[in-house]
Amino acid sequence: MILKGTKFQIKVWKHLRTIPKGQVRTYSQVASAIKKPKAVRAVANAIGKNPYAPKIPCHRVIRSDGSLGGYSGKGGINTKRKLLKLEGILL
């Protein structure tokens, strides 16, 4: 799959593909993983612009407080909840 976006978005989206099915990460964990620990908001914005959901699993990223956050894919937050439930994650 050829990704189209900014360099930063592509870096974030590529990292999302490494999150194993059935696991979640926080926006902060993703920022740290891509070596940009202070760029949590930028990471959240990049995830929010992911046009490849759910192939690039942005549904596996949640807020630090354990809440779901948003979901850019079709169906919004309800779809995110369903996708996580299918992977055995109940939040």
C-alpha atoms as a PDB file:
ATOM      1  CA  MET A   1       0.000   0.000   0.000  1.00  0.00           C
ATOM      2  CA  ILE A   2       1.359   3.393  -0.994  1.00  0.00           C
ATOM      3  CA  LEU A   3       0.559   5.940   1.692  1.00  0.00           C
ATOM      4  CA  LYS A   4      -0.236   9.521   0.769  1.00  0.00           C
ATOM      5  CA  GLY A   5       0.209  12.188   3.426  1.00  0.00           C
ATOM      6  CA  THR A   6       2.890  14.324   5.024  1.00  0.00           C
ATOM      7  CA  LYS A   7       6.155  12.703   6.137  1.00  0.00           C
ATOM      8  CA  PHE A   8       5.003  12.974   9.735  1.00  0.00           C
ATOM      9  CA  GLN A   9       1.576  11.435   9.032  1.00  0.00           C
ATOM     10  CA  ILE A  10       3.153   8.554   7.155  1.00  0.00           C
ATOM     11  CA  LYS A  11       5.581   7.943  10.021  1.00  0.00           C
ATOM     12  CA  VAL A  12       2.659   7.794  12.474  1.00  0.00           C
ATOM     13  CA  TRP A  13       0.530   5.597  10.208  1.00  0.00           C
ATOM     14  CA  LYS A  14       3.401   3.160   9.646  1.00  0.00           C
ATOM     15  CA  HIS A  15       3.829   2.844  13.394  1.00  0.00           C
ATOM     16  CA  LEU A  16       0.122   2.117  13.832  1.00  0.00           C
ATOM     17  CA  ARG A  17       0.579  -0.952  11.649  1.00  0.00           C
ATOM     18  CA  THR A  18       2.990  -2.359  14.253  1.00  0.00           C
ATOM     19  CA  ILE A  19       0.404  -2.359  17.067  1.00  0.00           C
ATOM     20  CA  PRO A  20      -0.631  -6.001  17.458  1.00  0.00           C
ATOM     21  CA  LYS A  21      -4.244  -7.026  17.101  1.00  0.00           C
ATOM     22  CA  GLY A  22      -5.876  -7.158  20.522  1.00  0.00           C
ATOM     23  CA  GLN A  23      -3.633  -4.472  22.017  1.00  0.00           C
ATOM     24  CA  VAL A  24      -3.960  -0.729  22.410  1.00  0.00           C
ATOM     25  CA  ARG A  25      -1.521   2.143  22.782  1.00  0.00           C
ATOM     26  CA  THR A  26      -2.034   5.702  23.962  1.00  0.00           C
ATOM     27  CA  TYR A  27      -1.388   8.744  21.805  1.00  0.00           C
ATOM     28  CA  SER A  28       1.538   9.492  24.114  1.00  0.00           C
ATOM     29  CA  GLN A  29       2.997   6.008  23.635  1.00  0.00           C
ATOM     30  CA  VAL A  30       2.778   6.407  19.867  1.00  0.00           C
ATOM     31  CA  ALA A  31       4.516   9.804  20.082  1.00  0.00           C
ATOM     32  CA  SER A  32       7.332   8.290  22.138  1.00  0.00           C
ATOM     33  CA  ALA A  33       7.623   5.288  19.827  1.00  0.00           C
ATOM     34  CA  ILE A  34       8.224   7.517  16.809  1.00  0.00           C
ATOM     35  CA  LYS A  35      10.845   9.486  18.800  1.00  0.00           C
ATOM     36  CA  LYS A  36       8.643  12.595  19.121  1.00  0.00           C
ATOM     37  CA  PRO A  37       7.521  12.386  22.763  1.00  0.00           C
ATOM     38  CA  LYS A  38       6.356  16.008  22.910  1.00  0.00           C
ATOM     39  CA  ALA A  39       4.291  15.739  19.733  1.00  0.00           C
ATOM     40  CA  VAL A  40       1.254  14.054  21.277  1.00  0.00           C
ATOM     41  CA  ARG A  41      -1.203  16.521  19.723  1.00  0.00           C
ATOM     42  CA  ALA A  42       0.438  16.235  16.320  1.00  0.00           C
ATOM     43  CA  VAL A  43       0.233  12.440  16.597  1.00  0.00           C
ATOM     44  CA  ALA A  44      -3.464  12.684  17.491  1.00  0.00           C
ATOM     45  CA  ASN A  45      -4.046  14.984  14.513  1.00  0.00           C
ATOM     46  CA  ALA A  46      -2.197  12.616  12.159  1.00  0.00           C
ATOM     47  CA  ILE A  47      -4.227   9.676  13.453  1.00  0.00           C
ATOM     48  CA  GLY A  48      -7.407  11.706  13.018  1.00  0.00           C
ATOM     49  CA  LYS A  49      -6.514  12.239   9.363  1.00  0.00           C
ATOM     50  CA  ASN A  50      -5.871   8.548   8.670  1.00  0.00           C
ATOM     51  CA  PRO A  51      -7.746   7.833   5.411  1.00  0.00           C
ATOM     52  CA  TYR A  52      -6.803   4.151   5.520  1.00  0.00           C
ATOM     53  CA  ALA A  53      -8.854   3.054   8.539  1.00  0.00           C
ATOM     54  CA  PRO A  54      -9.260   0.260   9.493  1.00  0.00           C
ATOM     55  CA  LYS A  55      -6.441  -1.179   7.331  1.00  0.00           C
ATOM     56  CA  ILE A  56      -4.127   1.095   9.268  1.00  0.00           C
ATOM     57  CA  PRO A  57      -5.510   0.365  12.726  1.00  0.00           C
ATOM     58  CA  CYS A  58      -5.939   3.770  14.305  1.00  0.00           C
ATOM     59  CA  HIS A  59      -8.744   2.247  16.375  1.00  0.00           C
ATOM     60  CA  ARG A  60      -6.030   0.704  18.570  1.00  0.00           C
ATOM     61  CA  VAL A  61      -4.983   4.115  19.909  1.00  0.00           C
ATOM     62  CA  ILE A  62      -6.753   5.501  22.977  1.00  0.00           C
ATOM     63  CA  ARG A  63      -6.380   8.379  25.403  1.00  0.00           C
ATOM     64  CA  SER A  64      -4.125   8.171  28.453  1.00  0.00           C
ATOM     65  CA  ASP A  65      -7.168   8.157  30.749  1.00  0.00           C
ATOM     66  CA  GLY A  66      -8.444   4.978  29.064  1.00  0.00           C
ATOM     67  CA  SER A  67     -11.231   6.676  27.117  1.00  0.00           C
ATOM     68  CA  LEU A  68     -11.575   5.959  23.426  1.00  0.00           C
ATOM     69  CA  GLY A  69     -10.766   9.337  21.920  1.00  0.00           C
ATOM     70  CA  GLY A  70     -11.958   9.782  18.350  1.00  0.00           C
ATOM     71  CA  TYR A  71     -12.112   7.658  15.232  1.00  0.00           C
ATOM     72  CA  SER A  72     -11.745   8.966  11.692  1.00  0.00           C
ATOM     73  CA  GLY A  73     -13.148   5.873   9.995  1.00  0.00           C
ATOM     74  CA  LYS A  74     -16.700   5.361   8.828  1.00  0.00           C
ATOM     75  CA  GLY A  75     -19.119   5.197  11.734  1.00  0.00           C
ATOM     76  CA  GLY A  76     -16.924   7.185  14.101  1.00  0.00           C
ATOM     77  CA  ILE A  77     -16.549   6.193  17.724  1.00  0.00           C
ATOM     78  CA  ASN A  78     -19.195   3.444  17.529  1.00  0.00           C
ATOM     79  CA  THR A  79     -17.140   1.679  14.873  1.00  0.00           C
ATOM     80  CA  LYS A  80     -13.986   2.098  16.973  1.00  0.00           C
ATOM     81  CA  ARG A  81     -15.736   0.476  19.925  1.00  0.00           C
ATOM     82  CA  LYS A  82     -16.952  -2.422  17.736  1.00  0.00           C
ATOM     83  CA  LEU A  83     -13.512  -2.996  16.181  1.00  0.00           C
ATOM     84  CA  LEU A  84     -11.866  -3.089  19.605  1.00  0.00           C
ATOM     85  CA  LYS A  85     -14.555  -5.457  20.912  1.00  0.00           C
ATOM     86  CA  LEU A  86     -13.914  -7.794  17.950  1.00  0.00           C
ATOM     87  CA  GLU A  87     -10.258  -7.847  19.021  1.00  0.00           C
ATOM     88  CA  GLY A  88     -11.211  -8.690  22.620  1.00  0.00           C
ATOM     89  CA  ILE A  89     -10.656  -5.210  24.034  1.00  0.00           C
ATOM     90  CA  LEU A  90     -13.418  -3.901  26.243  1.00  0.00           C
ATOM     91  CA  LEU A  91     -13.087  -0.306  27.415  1.00  0.00           C
END
